[in-house]
Amino acid sequence: MKNTLIGGLVLSALLATAPAFAQSTFEGKSRAEVKAELASARRAGDLDAINSLSYPQLRPYQERHAQMHAADMRDGGSAR
């Protein structure tokens, strides 16, 4: 009887924790979130200069990035 009781308790504990292991903790971005980020980057001009045909046009992007990084450092941000 004691073995049956212990076996039943172990089995019930395993069955109770099974759904916790089945749940996914990773939730990727939705399609709408990705589209919103893409639209935001286009509005900011970050994507205009990045493609294989526009190497000479990277200079404005690099300057803007350097200015933003310098402003972050002035405001107390940390370097990567």
PDB file of N, CA and C in Angstrom:
ATOM      1  N   MET A   1       0.822  -1.188   0.000  1.00  0.00           N
ATOM      2  CA  MET A   1       0.000   0.000   0.000  1.00  0.00           C
ATOM      3  C   MET A   1       0.870   1.257   0.000  1.00  0.00           C
ATOM      4  N   LYS A   2       1.952   1.203   0.747  1.00  0.00           N
ATOM      5  CA  LYS A   2       2.842   2.350   0.814  1.00  0.00           C
ATOM      6  C   LYS A   2       3.463   2.617  -0.557  1.00  0.00           C
ATOM      7  N   ASN A   3       3.864   1.563  -1.270  1.00  0.00           N
ATOM      8  CA  ASN A   3       4.449   1.726  -2.601  1.00  0.00           C
ATOM      9  C   ASN A   3       3.429   2.299  -3.579  1.00  0.00           C
ATOM     10  N   THR A   4       2.198   1.890  -3.471  1.00  0.00           N
ATOM     11  CA  THR A   4       1.146   2.400  -4.348  1.00  0.00           C
ATOM     12  C   THR A   4       0.913   3.885  -4.092  1.00  0.00           C
ATOM     13  N   LEU A   5       0.924   4.267  -2.830  1.00  0.00           N
ATOM     14  CA  LEU A   5       0.728   5.665  -2.468  1.00  0.00           C
ATOM     15  C   LEU A   5       1.877   6.534  -2.990  1.00  0.00           C
ATOM     16  N   ILE A   6       3.107   6.075  -2.802  1.00  0.00           N
ATOM     17  CA  ILE A   6       4.269   6.834  -3.276  1.00  0.00           C
ATOM     18  C   ILE A   6       4.254   6.913  -4.799  1.00  0.00           C
ATOM     19  N   GLY A   7       3.944   5.807  -5.447  1.00  0.00           N
ATOM     20  CA  GLY A   7       3.872   5.799  -6.912  1.00  0.00           C
ATOM     21  C   GLY A   7       2.799   6.748  -7.419  1.00  0.00           C
ATOM     22  N   GLY A   8       1.667   6.785  -6.752  1.00  0.00           N
ATOM     23  CA  GLY A   8       0.590   7.689  -7.140  1.00  0.00           C
ATOM     24  C   GLY A   8       0.974   9.148  -6.963  1.00  0.00           C
ATOM     25  N   LEU A   9       1.673   9.450  -5.873  1.00  0.00           N
ATOM     26  CA  LEU A   9       2.120  10.823  -5.639  1.00  0.00           C
ATOM     27  C   LEU A   9       3.147  11.262  -6.688  1.00  0.00           C
ATOM     28  N   VAL A  10       4.073  10.381  -7.019  1.00  0.00           N
ATOM     29  CA  VAL A  10       5.077  10.711  -8.034  1.00  0.00           C
ATOM     30  C   VAL A  10       4.409  10.922  -9.380  1.00  0.00           C
ATOM     31  N   LEU A  11       3.490  10.041  -9.727  1.00  0.00           N
ATOM     32  CA  LEU A  11       2.784  10.158 -11.005  1.00  0.00           C
ATOM     33  C   LEU A  11       1.963  11.444 -11.065  1.00  0.00           C
ATOM     34  N   SER A  12       1.286  11.783  -9.986  1.00  0.00           N
ATOM     35  CA  SER A  12       0.487  13.014  -9.996  1.00  0.00           C
ATOM     36  C   SER A  12       1.385  14.254 -10.069  1.00  0.00           C
ATOM     37  N   ALA A  13       2.548  14.202  -9.433  1.00  0.00           N
ATOM     38  CA  ALA A  13       3.474  15.331  -9.511  1.00  0.00           C
ATOM     39  C   ALA A  13       3.994  15.499 -10.931  1.00  0.00           C
ATOM     40  N   LEU A  14       4.309  14.400 -11.592  1.00  0.00           N
ATOM     41  CA  LEU A  14       4.779  14.476 -12.977  1.00  0.00           C
ATOM     42  C   LEU A  14       3.693  15.002 -13.906  1.00  0.00           C
ATOM     43  N   LEU A  15       2.479  14.549 -13.708  1.00  0.00           N
ATOM     44  CA  LEU A  15       1.382  15.008 -14.563  1.00  0.00           C
ATOM     45  C   LEU A  15       1.052  16.479 -14.314  1.00  0.00           C
ATOM     46  N   ALA A  16       1.236  16.931 -13.097  1.00  0.00           N
ATOM     47  CA  ALA A  16       0.930  18.327 -12.779  1.00  0.00           C
ATOM     48  C   ALA A  16       1.964  19.279 -13.374  1.00  0.00           C
ATOM     49  N   THR A  17       3.217  18.831 -13.503  1.00  0.00           N
ATOM     50  CA  THR A  17       4.257  19.712 -14.028  1.00  0.00           C
ATOM     51  C   THR A  17       4.440  19.588 -15.532  1.00  0.00           C
ATOM     52  N   ALA A  18       3.816  18.641 -16.176  1.00  0.00           N
ATOM     53  CA  ALA A  18       3.986  18.453 -17.625  1.00  0.00           C
ATOM     54  C   ALA A  18       3.575  19.681 -18.431  1.00  0.00           C
ATOM     55  N   PRO A  19       2.462  20.340 -18.144  1.00  0.00           N
ATOM     56  CA  PRO A  19       2.113  21.530 -18.938  1.00  0.00           C
ATOM     57  C   PRO A  19       3.132  22.664 -18.808  1.00  0.00           C
ATOM     58  N   ALA A  20       3.808  22.751 -17.681  1.00  0.00           N
ATOM     59  CA  ALA A  20       4.806  23.804 -17.508  1.00  0.00           C
ATOM     60  C   ALA A  20       5.967  23.615 -18.473  1.00  0.00           C
ATOM     61  N   PHE A  21       6.332  22.385 -18.751  1.00  0.00           N
ATOM     62  CA  PHE A  21       7.424  22.128 -19.681  1.00  0.00           C
ATOM     63  C   PHE A  21       6.974  22.267 -21.124  1.00  0.00           C
ATOM     64  N   ALA A  22       5.701  22.127 -21.379  1.00  0.00           N
ATOM     65  CA  ALA A  22       5.199  22.198 -22.747  1.00  0.00           C
ATOM     66  C   ALA A  22       5.036  23.634 -23.225  1.00  0.00           C
ATOM     67  N   GLN A  23       4.983  24.581 -22.311  1.00  0.00           N
ATOM     68  CA  GLN A  23       4.781  25.966 -22.708  1.00  0.00           C
ATOM     69  C   GLN A  23       6.066  26.552 -23.267  1.00  0.00           C
ATOM     70  N   SER A  24       5.922  27.323 -24.317  1.00  0.00           N
ATOM     71  CA  SER A  24       7.074  27.962 -24.943  1.00  0.00           C
ATOM     72  C   SER A  24       7.354  29.288 -24.251  1.00  0.00           C
ATOM     73  N   THR A  25       8.609  29.544 -23.943  1.00  0.00           N
ATOM     74  CA  THR A  25       8.968  30.810 -23.320  1.00  0.00           C
ATOM     75  C   THR A  25       9.386  31.840 -24.355  1.00  0.00           C
ATOM     76  N   PHE A  26       9.684  31.396 -25.575  1.00  0.00           N
ATOM     77  CA  PHE A  26      10.114  32.316 -26.626  1.00  0.00           C
ATOM     78  C   PHE A  26       8.900  32.818 -27.390  1.00  0.00           C
ATOM     79  N   GLU A  27       8.743  34.106 -27.434  1.00  0.00           N
ATOM     80  CA  GLU A  27       7.688  34.705 -28.236  1.00  0.00           C
ATOM     81  C   GLU A  27       8.345  35.694 -29.175  1.00  0.00           C
ATOM     82  N   GLY A  28       8.378  35.362 -30.452  1.00  0.00           N
ATOM     83  CA  GLY A  28       8.978  36.246 -31.439  1.00  0.00           C
ATOM     84  C   GLY A  28       8.074  37.425 -31.729  1.00  0.00           C
ATOM     85  N   LYS A  29       8.567  38.306 -32.567  1.00  0.00           N
ATOM     86  CA  LYS A  29       7.786  39.478 -32.943  1.00  0.00           C
ATOM     87  C   LYS A  29       6.689  39.071 -33.914  1.00  0.00           C
ATOM     88  N   SER A  30       5.587  39.755 -33.815  1.00  0.00           N
ATOM     89  CA  SER A  30       4.502  39.497 -34.757  1.00  0.00           C
ATOM     90  C   SER A  30       4.810  40.195 -36.075  1.00  0.00           C
ATOM     91  N   ARG A  31       4.098  39.809 -37.096  1.00  0.00           N
ATOM     92  CA  ARG A  31       4.287  40.420 -38.413  1.00  0.00           C
ATOM     93  C   ARG A  31       4.013  41.921 -38.349  1.00  0.00           C
ATOM     94  N   ALA A  32       3.008  42.312 -37.584  1.00  0.00           N
ATOM     95  CA  ALA A  32       2.666  43.732 -37.460  1.00  0.00           C
ATOM     96  C   ALA A  32       3.798  44.514 -36.781  1.00  0.00           C
ATOM     97  N   GLU A  33       4.429  43.913 -35.763  1.00  0.00           N
ATOM     98  CA  GLU A  33       5.538  44.591 -35.088  1.00  0.00           C
ATOM     99  C   GLU A  33       6.725  44.780 -36.027  1.00  0.00           C
ATOM    100  N   VAL A  34       7.021  43.767 -36.827  1.00  0.00           N
ATOM    101  CA  VAL A  34       8.136  43.870 -37.771  1.00  0.00           C
ATOM    102  C   VAL A  34       7.842  44.932 -38.821  1.00  0.00           C
ATOM    103  N   LYS A  35       6.606  44.948 -39.324  1.00  0.00           N
ATOM    104  CA  LYS A  35       6.239  45.959 -40.324  1.00  0.00           C
ATOM    105  C   LYS A  35       6.320  47.367 -39.738  1.00  0.00           C
ATOM    106  N   ALA A  36       5.921  47.525 -38.483  1.00  0.00           N
ATOM    107  CA  ALA A  36       5.992  48.839 -37.836  1.00  0.00           C
ATOM    108  C   ALA A  36       7.444  49.287 -37.666  1.00  0.00           C
ATOM    109  N   GLU A  37       8.327  48.364 -37.281  1.00  0.00           N
ATOM    110  CA  GLU A  37       9.745  48.713 -37.145  1.00  0.00           C
ATOM    111  C   GLU A  37      10.355  49.068 -38.493  1.00  0.00           C
ATOM    112  N   LEU A  38       9.967  48.342 -39.526  1.00  0.00           N
ATOM    113  CA  LEU A  38      10.472  48.620 -40.869  1.00  0.00           C
ATOM    114  C   LEU A  38      10.013  49.993 -41.343  1.00  0.00           C
ATOM    115  N   ALA A  39       8.743  50.312 -41.129  1.00  0.00           N
ATOM    116  CA  ALA A  39       8.223  51.625 -41.519  1.00  0.00           C
ATOM    117  C   ALA A  39       8.922  52.739 -40.736  1.00  0.00           C
ATOM    118  N   SER A  40       9.172  52.508 -39.461  1.00  0.00           N
ATOM    119  CA  SER A  40       9.862  53.502 -38.642  1.00  0.00           C
ATOM    120  C   SER A  40      11.291  53.731 -39.136  1.00  0.00           C
ATOM    121  N   ALA A  41      11.983  52.669 -39.496  1.00  0.00           N
ATOM    122  CA  ALA A  41      13.353  52.801 -40.006  1.00  0.00           C
ATOM    123  C   ALA A  41      13.372  53.519 -41.347  1.00  0.00           C
ATOM    124  N   ARG A  42      12.372  53.261 -42.171  1.00  0.00           N
ATOM    125  CA  ARG A  42      12.297  53.959 -43.462  1.00  0.00           C
ATOM    126  C   ARG A  42      12.037  55.450 -43.253  1.00  0.00           C
ATOM    127  N   ARG A  43      11.142  55.794 -42.314  1.00  0.00           N
ATOM    128  CA  ARG A  43      10.860  57.203 -42.032  1.00  0.00           C
ATOM    129  C   ARG A  43      12.099  57.913 -41.499  1.00  0.00           C
ATOM    130  N   ALA A  44      12.875  57.215 -40.688  1.00  0.00           N
ATOM    131  CA  ALA A  44      14.080  57.811 -40.109  1.00  0.00           C
ATOM    132  C   ALA A  44      15.217  57.899 -41.123  1.00  0.00           C
ATOM    133  N   GLY A  45      15.057  57.213 -42.250  1.00  0.00           N
ATOM    134  CA  GLY A  45      16.086  57.253 -43.282  1.00  0.00           C
ATOM    135  C   GLY A  45      17.197  56.245 -43.084  1.00  0.00           C
ATOM    136  N   ASP A  46      17.022  55.326 -42.162  1.00  0.00           N
ATOM    137  CA  ASP A  46      18.072  54.351 -41.888  1.00  0.00           C
ATOM    138  C   ASP A  46      18.211  53.298 -42.981  1.00  0.00           C
ATOM    139  N   LEU A  47      17.154  53.029 -43.718  1.00  0.00           N
ATOM    140  CA  LEU A  47      17.219  51.984 -44.735  1.00  0.00           C
ATOM    141  C   LEU A  47      17.522  52.520 -46.121  1.00  0.00           C
ATOM    142  N   ASP A  48      17.445  53.820 -46.312  1.00  0.00           N
ATOM    143  CA  ASP A  48      17.684  54.383 -47.641  1.00  0.00           C
ATOM    144  C   ASP A  48      19.111  54.151 -48.109  1.00  0.00           C
ATOM    145  N   ALA A  49      20.059  54.157 -47.189  1.00  0.00           N
ATOM    146  CA  ALA A  49      21.463  54.086 -47.572  1.00  0.00           C
ATOM    147  C   ALA A  49      22.022  52.668 -47.541  1.00  0.00           C
ATOM    148  N   ILE A  50      21.266  51.718 -47.054  1.00  0.00           N
ATOM    149  CA  ILE A  50      21.816  50.380 -46.890  1.00  0.00           C
ATOM    150  C   ILE A  50      21.280  49.450 -47.970  1.00  0.00           C
ATOM    151  N   ASN A  51      22.029  49.315 -49.024  1.00  0.00           N
ATOM    152  CA  ASN A  51      21.806  48.282 -50.026  1.00  0.00           C
ATOM    153  C   ASN A  51      23.074  48.132 -50.843  1.00  0.00           C
ATOM    154  N   SER A  52      23.155  47.109 -51.656  1.00  0.00           N
ATOM    155  CA  SER A  52      24.411  46.802 -52.344  1.00  0.00           C
ATOM    156  C   SER A  52      24.746  47.803 -53.436  1.00  0.00           C
ATOM    157  N   LEU A  53      23.797  48.607 -53.884  1.00  0.00           N
ATOM    158  CA  LEU A  53      24.046  49.534 -54.986  1.00  0.00           C
ATOM    159  C   LEU A  53      24.355  50.947 -54.520  1.00  0.00           C
ATOM    160  N   SER A  54      24.344  51.198 -53.232  1.00  0.00           N
ATOM    161  CA  SER A  54      24.468  52.575 -52.754  1.00  0.00           C
ATOM    162  C   SER A  54      25.649  52.781 -51.819  1.00  0.00           C
ATOM    163  N   TYR A  55      26.764  52.145 -52.085  1.00  0.00           N
ATOM    164  CA  TYR A  55      27.922  52.287 -51.191  1.00  0.00           C
ATOM    165  C   TYR A  55      28.332  53.743 -50.977  1.00  0.00           C
ATOM    166  N   PRO A  56      28.421  54.560 -52.033  1.00  0.00           N
ATOM    167  CA  PRO A  56      28.819  55.960 -51.792  1.00  0.00           C
ATOM    168  C   PRO A  56      27.820  56.729 -50.934  1.00  0.00           C
ATOM    169  N   GLN A  57      26.594  56.273 -50.858  1.00  0.00           N
ATOM    170  CA  GLN A  57      25.580  56.991 -50.087  1.00  0.00           C
ATOM    171  C   GLN A  57      25.605  56.615 -48.606  1.00  0.00           C
ATOM    172  N   LEU A  58      26.514  55.785 -48.200  1.00  0.00           N
ATOM    173  CA  LEU A  58      26.574  55.399 -46.792  1.00  0.00           C
ATOM    174  C   LEU A  58      27.090  56.520 -45.893  1.00  0.00           C
ATOM    175  N   ARG A  59      27.778  57.472 -46.440  1.00  0.00           N
ATOM    176  CA  ARG A  59      28.368  58.555 -45.649  1.00  0.00           C
ATOM    177  C   ARG A  59      27.326  59.296 -44.795  1.00  0.00           C
ATOM    178  N   PRO A  60      26.172  59.706 -45.347  1.00  0.00           N
ATOM    179  CA  PRO A  60      25.178  60.390 -44.490  1.00  0.00           C
ATOM    180  C   PRO A  60      24.687  59.501 -43.346  1.00  0.00           C
ATOM    181  N   TYR A  61      24.506  58.230 -43.629  1.00  0.00           N
ATOM    182  CA  TYR A  61      24.066  57.310 -42.586  1.00  0.00           C
ATOM    183  C   TYR A  61      25.126  57.209 -41.491  1.00  0.00           C
ATOM    184  N   GLN A  62      26.387  57.086 -41.900  1.00  0.00           N
ATOM    185  CA  GLN A  62      27.468  56.972 -40.927  1.00  0.00           C
ATOM    186  C   GLN A  62      27.594  58.244 -40.093  1.00  0.00           C
ATOM    187  N   GLU A  63      27.430  59.401 -40.725  1.00  0.00           N
ATOM    188  CA  GLU A  63      27.512  60.662 -39.983  1.00  0.00           C
ATOM    189  C   GLU A  63      26.365  60.777 -38.981  1.00  0.00           C
ATOM    190  N   ARG A  64      25.158  60.424 -39.413  1.00  0.00           N
ATOM    191  CA  ARG A  64      24.001  60.489 -38.517  1.00  0.00           C
ATOM    192  C   ARG A  64      24.188  59.519 -37.347  1.00  0.00           C
ATOM    193  N   HIS A  65      24.704  58.328 -37.639  1.00  0.00           N
ATOM    194  CA  HIS A  65      24.944  57.342 -36.591  1.00  0.00           C
ATOM    195  C   HIS A  65      25.994  57.855 -35.601  1.00  0.00           C
ATOM    196  N   ALA A  66      27.047  58.477 -36.114  1.00  0.00           N
ATOM    197  CA  ALA A  66      28.094  59.022 -35.246  1.00  0.00           C
ATOM    198  C   ALA A  66      27.544  60.147 -34.373  1.00  0.00           C
ATOM    199  N   GLN A  67      26.684  60.995 -34.934  1.00  0.00           N
ATOM    200  CA  GLN A  67      26.091  62.081 -34.153  1.00  0.00           C
ATOM    201  C   GLN A  67      25.193  61.527 -33.049  1.00  0.00           C
ATOM    202  N   MET A  68      24.401  60.516 -33.387  1.00  0.00           N
ATOM    203  CA  MET A  68      23.522  59.918 -32.384  1.00  0.00           C
ATOM    204  C   MET A  68      24.343  59.261 -31.281  1.00  0.00           C
ATOM    205  N   HIS A  69      25.421  58.574 -31.665  1.00  0.00           N
ATOM    206  CA  HIS A  69      26.273  57.919 -30.677  1.00  0.00           C
ATOM    207  C   HIS A  69      26.950  58.961 -29.782  1.00  0.00           C
ATOM    208  N   ALA A  70      27.409  60.058 -30.377  1.00  0.00           N
ATOM    209  CA  ALA A  70      28.045  61.118 -29.593  1.00  0.00           C
ATOM    210  C   ALA A  70      27.043  61.744 -28.630  1.00  0.00           C
ATOM    211  N   ALA A  71      25.808  61.943 -29.079  1.00  0.00           N
ATOM    212  CA  ALA A  71      24.776  62.508 -28.206  1.00  0.00           C
ATOM    213  C   ALA A  71      24.470  61.558 -27.060  1.00  0.00           C
ATOM    214  N   ASP A  72      24.431  60.262 -27.346  1.00  0.00           N
ATOM    215  CA  ASP A  72      24.200  59.282 -26.284  1.00  0.00           C
ATOM    216  C   ASP A  72      25.322  59.317 -25.252  1.00  0.00           C
ATOM    217  N   MET A  73      26.542  59.444 -25.725  1.00  0.00           N
ATOM    218  CA  MET A  73      27.684  59.483 -24.808  1.00  0.00           C
ATOM    219  C   MET A  73      27.660  60.754 -23.959  1.00  0.00           C
ATOM    220  N   ARG A  74      27.247  61.885 -24.552  1.00  0.00           N
ATOM    221  CA  ARG A  74      27.144  63.133 -23.791  1.00  0.00           C
ATOM    222  C   ARG A  74      26.070  63.035 -22.723  1.00  0.00           C
ATOM    223  N   ASP A  75      24.980  62.324 -23.045  1.00  0.00           N
ATOM    224  CA  ASP A  75      23.858  62.224 -22.116  1.00  0.00           C
ATOM    225  C   ASP A  75      24.081  61.167 -21.039  1.00  0.00           C
ATOM    226  N   GLY A  76      25.257  60.591 -21.002  1.00  0.00           N
ATOM    227  CA  GLY A  76      25.548  59.620 -19.950  1.00  0.00           C
ATOM    228  C   GLY A  76      25.387  58.188 -20.384  1.00  0.00           C
ATOM    229  N   GLY A  77      25.218  57.943 -21.674  1.00  0.00           N
ATOM    230  CA  GLY A  77      25.115  56.577 -22.164  1.00  0.00           C
ATOM    231  C   GLY A  77      26.461  55.894 -22.108  1.00  0.00           C
ATOM    232  N   SER A  78      26.449  54.609 -22.296  1.00  0.00           N
ATOM    233  CA  SER A  78      27.708  53.865 -22.265  1.00  0.00           C
ATOM    234  C   SER A  78      28.041  53.357 -23.653  1.00  0.00           C
ATOM    235  N   ALA A  79      29.301  53.206 -23.934  1.00  0.00           N
ATOM    236  CA  ALA A  79      29.743  52.684 -25.232  1.00  0.00           C
ATOM    237  C   ALA A  79      29.481  51.192 -25.279  1.00  0.00           C
ATOM    238  N   ARG A  80      29.296  50.683 -26.475  1.00  0.00           N
ATOM    239  CA  ARG A  80      29.051  49.245 -26.616  1.00  0.00           C
ATOM    240  C   ARG A  80      30.290  48.453 -26.451  1.00  0.00           C
TER     241      ARG A  80
END
